[in-house]
Protein backbone atom coordinates (compact mmCIF):
# COMPACT_ATOMS: atom_id res chain seq x y z
CA MET A 1 23.09 7.11 38.85
CA THR A 2 20.27 8.70 40.79
CA THR A 3 17.39 10.65 39.38
CA LYS A 4 15.86 13.61 41.06
CA VAL A 5 12.14 13.55 41.55
CA LYS A 6 10.29 16.81 41.82
CA LEU A 7 7.07 16.76 43.77
CA VAL A 8 4.19 18.78 42.36
CA ASN A 9 1.72 20.26 44.80
CA ARG A 10 -1.78 19.92 43.43
CA ARG A 11 -4.82 21.79 44.59
CA ARG A 12 -7.17 19.65 46.58
CA SER A 13 -10.64 19.35 45.11
CA THR A 14 -13.32 21.08 47.12
CA PHE A 15 -16.68 19.69 48.10
CA LEU A 16 -18.40 21.43 45.14
CA ASP A 17 -15.81 20.06 42.70
CA ARG A 18 -16.55 16.56 43.90
CA LEU A 19 -20.29 17.00 43.42
CA TYR A 20 -19.93 17.81 39.67
CA PHE A 21 -22.98 20.06 39.85
CA PRO A 22 -21.12 23.24 38.87
CA ALA A 23 -19.81 21.55 35.72
CA ILE A 24 -23.26 20.23 34.84
CA PHE A 25 -24.87 23.66 35.28
CA LYS A 26 -22.10 25.29 33.26
CA GLY A 27 -22.73 22.84 30.40
CA LEU A 28 -26.49 23.39 30.54
CA GLY A 29 -25.90 27.16 30.46
CA ILE A 30 -23.94 26.81 27.20
CA THR A 31 -26.71 24.61 25.77
CA PHE A 32 -29.47 27.11 26.62
CA ARG A 33 -27.51 30.01 25.17
CA ARG A 34 -27.03 28.12 21.89
CA MET A 35 -30.69 27.12 21.64
CA PHE A 36 -31.84 30.60 20.76
CA LYS A 37 -29.12 31.51 18.24
CA LYS A 38 -29.43 31.14 14.48
CA LYS A 39 -29.15 27.52 13.32
CA VAL A 40 -26.40 26.51 10.90
CA THR A 41 -27.75 23.06 10.07
CA MET A 42 -28.09 22.22 6.36
CA GLN A 43 -30.34 19.69 4.70
CA PHE A 44 -27.38 18.06 2.96
CA PRO A 45 -28.51 16.41 -0.26
CA GLU A 46 -30.78 19.30 -1.18
CA GLU A 47 -28.57 22.10 0.15
CA ARG A 48 -24.85 22.13 -0.59
CA TRP A 49 -22.27 24.46 0.87
CA THR A 50 -20.16 26.58 -1.44
CA VAL A 51 -16.58 25.40 -1.65
CA ARG A 52 -13.80 27.93 -1.01
CA ASP A 53 -11.04 28.52 -3.56
CA LYS A 54 -8.33 26.89 -1.46
CA TYR A 55 -10.38 23.79 -0.63
CA ARG A 56 -8.59 20.51 -1.35
CA GLY A 57 -11.03 17.79 -2.28
CA MET A 58 -10.23 14.40 -3.71
CA PRO A 59 -7.43 14.06 -6.29
CA VAL A 60 -8.60 13.54 -9.88
CA LEU A 61 -7.03 13.12 -13.30
CA VAL A 62 -7.73 15.68 -16.02
CA SER A 63 -7.61 15.71 -19.81
CA ASP A 64 -6.33 18.56 -21.95
CA ASP A 65 -8.68 20.70 -24.02
CA GLU A 66 -8.38 18.26 -26.96
CA GLY A 67 -9.57 15.35 -24.80
CA ARG A 68 -6.18 13.64 -24.49
CA PRO A 69 -5.14 12.31 -21.08
CA LYS A 70 -2.40 14.48 -19.59
CA CYS A 71 -0.87 11.76 -17.40
CA VAL A 72 2.38 10.31 -18.79
CA ALA A 73 2.78 7.65 -16.06
CA CYS A 74 5.94 9.17 -14.61
CA SER A 75 4.90 7.77 -11.19
CA LEU A 76 6.07 10.83 -9.26
CA CYS A 77 2.69 11.15 -7.56
CA GLU A 78 2.88 7.50 -6.56
CA TYR A 79 6.34 7.96 -5.02
CA VAL A 80 5.48 11.16 -3.14
CA CYS A 81 2.16 9.92 -1.69
CA PRO A 82 2.70 9.43 2.10
CA PRO A 83 0.00 6.76 2.64
CA LYS A 84 0.74 5.05 -0.70
CA ALA A 85 -2.82 5.56 -1.95
CA ILE A 86 -1.82 5.77 -5.66
CA TYR A 87 -0.89 2.76 -7.79
CA ILE A 88 0.31 3.27 -11.38
CA VAL A 89 1.36 0.84 -14.11
CA GLY A 90 2.81 2.60 -17.14
CA GLN A 91 2.60 1.51 -20.75
CA GLU A 92 4.05 2.56 -24.07
CA LEU A 93 1.44 4.26 -26.25
CA GLU A 94 0.91 3.47 -29.93
CA GLU A 95 2.55 5.47 -32.72
CA GLY A 96 1.07 8.85 -33.61
CA ASN A 97 0.60 10.10 -30.04
CA LYS A 98 2.27 13.27 -28.89
CA VAL A 99 3.59 11.47 -25.80
CA GLU A 100 5.33 8.11 -25.54
CA ARG A 101 3.89 6.80 -22.28
CA GLY A 102 0.61 6.73 -20.45
CA PRO A 103 -0.95 4.85 -17.57
CA ALA A 104 -2.32 1.38 -18.23
CA VAL A 105 -3.54 1.26 -14.62
CA PHE A 106 -4.09 4.28 -12.36
CA ASP A 107 -5.81 3.40 -9.10
CA LEU A 108 -6.49 5.81 -6.26
CA ASN A 109 -7.49 4.27 -2.93
CA MET A 110 -9.69 6.88 -1.28
CA LEU A 111 -9.68 4.97 2.01
CA ARG A 112 -5.95 5.70 2.28
CA CYS A 113 -5.86 9.20 0.78
CA ILE A 114 -5.20 11.94 3.34
CA TYR A 115 -5.97 14.86 0.97
CA CYS A 116 -2.51 16.36 1.46
CA GLY A 117 -2.09 17.61 -2.13
CA LEU A 118 1.50 16.36 -2.54
CA CYS A 119 0.48 14.43 -5.67
CA GLU A 120 -0.73 17.66 -7.28
CA GLU A 121 2.51 19.46 -6.42
CA ALA A 122 4.73 16.63 -7.70
CA CYS A 123 3.04 16.20 -11.09
CA PRO A 124 5.21 17.77 -13.83
CA GLU A 125 2.45 17.47 -16.45
CA GLU A 126 -0.31 19.05 -14.31
CA ALA A 127 -2.39 15.92 -14.84
CA ILE A 128 -3.63 15.45 -11.28
CA PHE A 129 -5.56 18.11 -9.38
CA MET A 130 -7.34 18.38 -6.08
CA SER A 131 -10.99 18.71 -7.05
CA LYS A 132 -13.80 20.48 -5.21
CA THR A 133 -15.57 17.14 -4.60
CA TYR A 134 -16.25 16.66 -0.91
CA ALA A 135 -18.92 13.93 -0.85
CA VAL A 136 -16.96 10.73 -1.44
CA THR A 137 -18.95 7.68 -0.39
CA GLY A 138 -18.99 3.99 -1.13
CA LEU A 139 -20.88 0.95 0.10
CA SER A 140 -17.82 -1.32 0.09
CA ARG A 141 -14.04 -1.10 0.16
CA ASP A 142 -13.83 -2.05 -3.52
CA LEU A 143 -15.99 0.92 -4.50
CA MET A 144 -13.59 3.30 -2.75
CA VAL A 145 -10.69 2.37 -5.06
CA PHE A 146 -11.18 4.65 -8.07
CA ASP A 147 -9.75 3.51 -11.38
CA LYS A 148 -8.50 5.59 -14.30
CA PRO A 149 -11.85 6.03 -16.14
CA LYS A 150 -13.60 7.10 -12.92
CA LEU A 151 -10.85 9.63 -12.09
CA TYR A 152 -11.01 11.11 -15.62
CA GLU A 153 -14.81 11.27 -15.40
CA ILE A 154 -14.70 13.23 -12.14
CA GLY A 155 -11.77 15.42 -13.24
CA GLY A 156 -13.07 16.31 -16.68
CA VAL A 157 -11.24 18.66 -19.04
CA ARG A 158 -8.84 21.35 -17.85
CA GLU A 159 -7.87 24.01 -20.35
CA ASP A 160 -4.27 25.21 -20.27
CA GLU A 161 -2.80 28.40 -21.60
CA ILE A 162 0.41 26.58 -22.47
CA LYS A 163 0.01 24.10 -25.30
CA LYS A 164 2.99 21.91 -24.51
CA TRP A 165 2.45 19.25 -27.15
CA SER A 166 1.29 21.44 -30.05
CA GLU A 167 3.66 21.86 -33.00
CA PRO A 168 4.08 25.68 -32.89
CA THR A 169 5.40 25.63 -29.30
CA LYS A 170 7.96 22.88 -29.92
CA GLY A 171 10.21 25.14 -31.94
CA PRO A 172 11.56 24.80 -35.48
CA GLN A 173 12.32 21.32 -36.80
CA ASP A 174 15.85 22.30 -37.89
CA ARG A 175 16.78 23.36 -34.37
CA SER A 176 19.41 21.17 -32.77
CA HIS A 177 21.11 20.73 -29.43
CA VAL A 178 24.14 19.01 -30.91
CA GLU A 179 27.40 20.87 -30.38
CA GLY A 180 28.86 22.27 -33.57
CA ASP A 181 25.51 23.11 -35.20
CA SER A 182 24.90 26.70 -36.13
CA ILE A 183 21.99 27.05 -33.69
CA ALA A 184 23.63 25.41 -30.64
CA PRO A 185 26.17 27.61 -28.82
CA SER A 186 29.68 26.30 -28.83
CA THR A 187 30.89 25.32 -25.38
CA ALA A 188 34.54 25.33 -26.49
CA ALA A 189 34.46 29.06 -27.30
CA SER A 190 33.18 29.93 -23.83
CA HIS A 191 36.07 28.22 -21.98
């Protein structure tokens, strides 16, 4: 089997191209034009830029308006994270909670995070959000792995219009999904 090779005719470089002076003068021309325009430099710690609405900062955990953690340790964010930056260990919560499970360990490795926002989209409880935080620094690798208390501290409280775990929105106690009850529709009658 033979392969065909196509020759490409390239332009020969001229004497001026080989001197590099035109490129140097062109670069200096851009520099001189920029010198007299308005500066956009900020003095960072004192001056901060305003974050746009669609900005995706670091992922954080949030609590509901009653101060309860919203995360139920379903691990969907851990599974959907492309660089595997999230590590969750679930635990059963004590009696009297509105939810059965919560995270015992929730670690977010910010050295791996690519700020894609897939964790926010995958969360069914709306417990993880992309914050407006853009200055994420650490002096060591260990400081860049944020644990559950740190993520809740940065995320704070997020008020929801839908009160999922409150008693009035759960429906009446006598409501049933068992077939044959007066509230549940009969599937036999529909066939």
